[in-house]
Amino acid sequence: MSLQLNLDHEAALAAQHMLQSIGSANWGEAERLIRKTLGVVQENGVYAGTLFLLTRPEKEKPIAGKIVGGLFDLLLKVTPEALKDTRSVARLAYLTGNVTGKLQTLLLVKSLWEQALIYARYGAKL
């Protein structure tokens, strides 16, 4: 018997986890940053979205870190290898080695991240 992963459910859980880790006091700022991140992912892809989050100014870094952490937690549910190193360079190398070179995986991750970011964006408006 094989278990199937419900990707919509995983995206919803990831969005909720992101918002819980950010805290409701910062949801206004989070919604703005999530909206921008979604635009980058949609237009330029997952690697660019990750770069966008990792290069935020100092005042945005705490929220950006929670968003990228949530996205990578979601990513690890659909990629074969675990990522133990959470440094920026390691995350970018993981994307290059496990996602961007494999078209099916890349399209899956892009779609999954978009869904999670959409859910988080709307959730931040509550």
C-alpha atoms as a PDB file:
ATOM      1  CA  MET A   1       0.000   0.000   0.000  1.00  0.00           C
ATOM      2  CA  SER A   2       1.456   3.389  -0.998  1.00  0.00           C
ATOM      3  CA  LEU A   3       0.593   6.638   0.677  1.00  0.00           C
ATOM      4  CA  GLN A   4      -0.144   9.638  -1.492  1.00  0.00           C
ATOM      5  CA  LEU A   5       0.710  13.137  -0.402  1.00  0.00           C
ATOM      6  CA  ASN A   6      -2.181  15.613  -0.582  1.00  0.00           C
ATOM      7  CA  LEU A   7      -0.273  18.625  -1.913  1.00  0.00           C
ATOM      8  CA  ASP A   8      -3.079  21.137  -1.403  1.00  0.00           C
ATOM      9  CA  HIS A   9      -3.323  20.074   2.226  1.00  0.00           C
ATOM     10  CA  GLU A  10       0.459  20.385   2.625  1.00  0.00           C
ATOM     11  CA  ALA A  11       0.386  23.882   1.087  1.00  0.00           C
ATOM     12  CA  ALA A  12      -2.376  24.928   3.492  1.00  0.00           C
ATOM     13  CA  LEU A  13      -0.450  23.547   6.472  1.00  0.00           C
ATOM     14  CA  ALA A  14       2.724  25.310   5.340  1.00  0.00           C
ATOM     15  CA  ALA A  15       0.855  28.613   5.036  1.00  0.00           C
ATOM     16  CA  GLN A  16      -0.617  28.230   8.508  1.00  0.00           C
ATOM     17  CA  HIS A  17       2.766  27.335   9.967  1.00  0.00           C
ATOM     18  CA  MET A  18       4.396  30.370   8.320  1.00  0.00           C
ATOM     19  CA  LEU A  19       1.785  32.711   9.751  1.00  0.00           C
ATOM     20  CA  GLN A  20       1.928  31.138  13.211  1.00  0.00           C
ATOM     21  CA  SER A  21       5.709  31.478  13.279  1.00  0.00           C
ATOM     22  CA  ILE A  22       5.498  35.125  12.140  1.00  0.00           C
ATOM     23  CA  GLY A  23       2.837  36.041  14.705  1.00  0.00           C
ATOM     24  CA  SER A  24      -0.364  37.974  14.075  1.00  0.00           C
ATOM     25  CA  ALA A  25       1.163  41.286  15.181  1.00  0.00           C
ATOM     26  CA  ASN A  26       3.298  41.224  12.022  1.00  0.00           C
ATOM     27  CA  TRP A  27       0.755  39.924   9.516  1.00  0.00           C
ATOM     28  CA  GLY A  28       0.447  43.276   7.728  1.00  0.00           C
ATOM     29  CA  GLU A  29       4.171  43.323   6.964  1.00  0.00           C
ATOM     30  CA  ALA A  30       4.084  39.602   6.242  1.00  0.00           C
ATOM     31  CA  GLU A  31       1.238  39.977   3.732  1.00  0.00           C
ATOM     32  CA  ARG A  32       3.218  42.596   1.806  1.00  0.00           C
ATOM     33  CA  LEU A  33       6.364  40.465   1.718  1.00  0.00           C
ATOM     34  CA  ILE A  34       4.420  37.301   0.851  1.00  0.00           C
ATOM     35  CA  ARG A  35       2.690  39.140  -2.015  1.00  0.00           C
ATOM     36  CA  LYS A  36       6.045  40.313  -3.395  1.00  0.00           C
ATOM     37  CA  THR A  37       7.547  36.841  -3.006  1.00  0.00           C
ATOM     38  CA  LEU A  38       4.606  35.291  -4.822  1.00  0.00           C
ATOM     39  CA  GLY A  39       5.142  37.689  -7.713  1.00  0.00           C
ATOM     40  CA  VAL A  40       8.831  36.799  -7.941  1.00  0.00           C
ATOM     41  CA  VAL A  41       8.110  33.058  -7.836  1.00  0.00           C
ATOM     42  CA  GLN A  42       5.405  33.371 -10.497  1.00  0.00           C
ATOM     43  CA  GLU A  43       7.484  35.532 -12.825  1.00  0.00           C
ATOM     44  CA  ASN A  44      11.012  34.255 -12.231  1.00  0.00           C
ATOM     45  CA  GLY A  45      10.775  30.897 -10.466  1.00  0.00           C
ATOM     46  CA  VAL A  46      11.682  29.247  -7.182  1.00  0.00           C
ATOM     47  CA  TYR A  47      15.390  30.053  -7.276  1.00  0.00           C
ATOM     48  CA  ALA A  48      14.661  33.763  -7.774  1.00  0.00           C
ATOM     49  CA  GLY A  49      12.008  33.650  -5.041  1.00  0.00           C
ATOM     50  CA  THR A  50      14.531  32.169  -2.652  1.00  0.00           C
ATOM     51  CA  LEU A  51      17.141  34.779  -3.590  1.00  0.00           C
ATOM     52  CA  PHE A  52      14.536  37.495  -3.082  1.00  0.00           C
ATOM     53  CA  LEU A  53      13.785  36.305   0.451  1.00  0.00           C
ATOM     54  CA  LEU A  54      17.415  35.716   1.385  1.00  0.00           C
ATOM     55  CA  THR A  55      18.444  39.227   0.318  1.00  0.00           C
ATOM     56  CA  ARG A  56      15.826  41.256   2.164  1.00  0.00           C
ATOM     57  CA  PRO A  57      16.976  44.284   4.147  1.00  0.00           C
ATOM     58  CA  GLU A  58      17.760  43.781   7.822  1.00  0.00           C
ATOM     59  CA  LYS A  59      14.327  44.973   9.028  1.00  0.00           C
ATOM     60  CA  GLU A  60      12.559  42.370   6.813  1.00  0.00           C
ATOM     61  CA  LYS A  61      14.917  39.462   7.557  1.00  0.00           C
ATOM     62  CA  PRO A  62      12.960  37.982  10.488  1.00  0.00           C
ATOM     63  CA  ILE A  63       9.747  37.650   8.460  1.00  0.00           C
ATOM     64  CA  ALA A  64      11.592  36.649   5.274  1.00  0.00           C
ATOM     65  CA  GLY A  65      13.372  33.922   7.251  1.00  0.00           C
ATOM     66  CA  LYS A  66      10.049  32.491   8.442  1.00  0.00           C
ATOM     67  CA  ILE A  67       8.674  32.507   4.900  1.00  0.00           C
ATOM     68  CA  VAL A  68      11.712  30.839   3.349  1.00  0.00           C
ATOM     69  CA  GLY A  69      11.776  28.332   6.204  1.00  0.00           C
ATOM     70  CA  GLY A  70       8.144  27.429   5.568  1.00  0.00           C
ATOM     71  CA  LEU A  71       8.717  27.092   1.848  1.00  0.00           C
ATOM     72  CA  PHE A  72      11.727  24.841   2.369  1.00  0.00           C
ATOM     73  CA  ASP A  73       9.836  22.692   4.881  1.00  0.00           C
ATOM     74  CA  LEU A  74       7.234  22.243   2.149  1.00  0.00           C
ATOM     75  CA  LEU A  75       9.911  21.574  -0.479  1.00  0.00           C
ATOM     76  CA  LEU A  76      11.384  18.768   1.595  1.00  0.00           C
ATOM     77  CA  LYS A  77       8.074  16.917   1.470  1.00  0.00           C
ATOM     78  CA  VAL A  78       8.399  16.447  -2.307  1.00  0.00           C
ATOM     79  CA  THR A  79      12.163  16.115  -2.817  1.00  0.00           C
ATOM     80  CA  PRO A  80      14.170  12.993  -2.064  1.00  0.00           C
ATOM     81  CA  GLU A  81      17.029  14.281   0.072  1.00  0.00           C
ATOM     82  CA  ALA A  82      16.906  15.969   3.446  1.00  0.00           C
ATOM     83  CA  LEU A  83      18.446  19.400   3.897  1.00  0.00           C
ATOM     84  CA  LYS A  84      20.197  19.605   7.233  1.00  0.00           C
ATOM     85  CA  ASP A  85      22.079  22.858   6.622  1.00  0.00           C
ATOM     86  CA  THR A  86      19.794  25.907   6.657  1.00  0.00           C
ATOM     87  CA  ARG A  87      22.416  28.480   5.652  1.00  0.00           C
ATOM     88  CA  SER A  88      21.514  30.552   2.594  1.00  0.00           C
ATOM     89  CA  VAL A  89      24.278  29.068   0.438  1.00  0.00           C
ATOM     90  CA  ALA A  90      23.204  25.530   1.347  1.00  0.00           C
ATOM     91  CA  ARG A  91      19.580  26.277   0.501  1.00  0.00           C
ATOM     92  CA  LEU A  92      20.525  27.678  -2.897  1.00  0.00           C
ATOM     93  CA  ALA A  93      22.783  24.690  -3.578  1.00  0.00           C
ATOM     94  CA  TYR A  94      19.940  22.351  -2.597  1.00  0.00           C
ATOM     95  CA  LEU A  95      17.618  24.050  -5.074  1.00  0.00           C
ATOM     96  CA  THR A  96      20.219  23.791  -7.821  1.00  0.00           C
ATOM     97  CA  GLY A  97      21.034  20.159  -7.085  1.00  0.00           C
ATOM     98  CA  ASN A  98      17.553  18.821  -6.403  1.00  0.00           C
ATOM     99  CA  VAL A  99      14.992  21.073  -8.067  1.00  0.00           C
ATOM    100  CA  THR A 100      16.024  23.410 -10.876  1.00  0.00           C
ATOM    101  CA  GLY A 101      17.699  20.759 -13.022  1.00  0.00           C
ATOM    102  CA  LYS A 102      14.648  18.479 -13.028  1.00  0.00           C
ATOM    103  CA  LEU A 103      11.776  20.001 -14.971  1.00  0.00           C
ATOM    104  CA  GLN A 104       8.974  17.933 -13.392  1.00  0.00           C
ATOM    105  CA  THR A 105      10.244  18.638  -9.888  1.00  0.00           C
ATOM    106  CA  LEU A 106      10.730  22.315 -10.686  1.00  0.00           C
ATOM    107  CA  LEU A 107       7.178  22.704 -11.980  1.00  0.00           C
ATOM    108  CA  LEU A 108       5.769  20.812  -9.001  1.00  0.00           C
ATOM    109  CA  VAL A 109       7.685  22.919  -6.474  1.00  0.00           C
ATOM    110  CA  LYS A 110       6.796  26.180  -8.230  1.00  0.00           C
ATOM    111  CA  SER A 111       3.108  25.280  -8.193  1.00  0.00           C
ATOM    112  CA  LEU A 112       3.268  24.127  -4.582  1.00  0.00           C
ATOM    113  CA  TRP A 113       5.073  27.278  -3.420  1.00  0.00           C
ATOM    114  CA  GLU A 114       2.613  29.474  -5.291  1.00  0.00           C
ATOM    115  CA  GLN A 115      -0.309  27.733  -3.593  1.00  0.00           C
ATOM    116  CA  ALA A 116       1.253  28.033  -0.131  1.00  0.00           C
ATOM    117  CA  LEU A 117       2.051  31.718  -0.683  1.00  0.00           C
ATOM    118  CA  ILE A 118      -1.496  32.408  -1.887  1.00  0.00           C
ATOM    119  CA  TYR A 119      -2.922  30.728   1.205  1.00  0.00           C
ATOM    120  CA  ALA A 120      -0.508  32.631   3.464  1.00  0.00           C
ATOM    121  CA  ARG A 121      -1.289  35.935   1.754  1.00  0.00           C
ATOM    122  CA  TYR A 122      -5.017  35.514   2.339  1.00  0.00           C
ATOM    123  CA  GLY A 123      -4.455  34.113   5.815  1.00  0.00           C
ATOM    124  CA  ALA A 124      -2.498  37.217   6.760  1.00  0.00           C
ATOM    125  CA  LYS A 125      -5.593  39.305   6.033  1.00  0.00           C
ATOM    126  CA  LEU A 126      -7.600  37.624   8.816  1.00  0.00           C
END
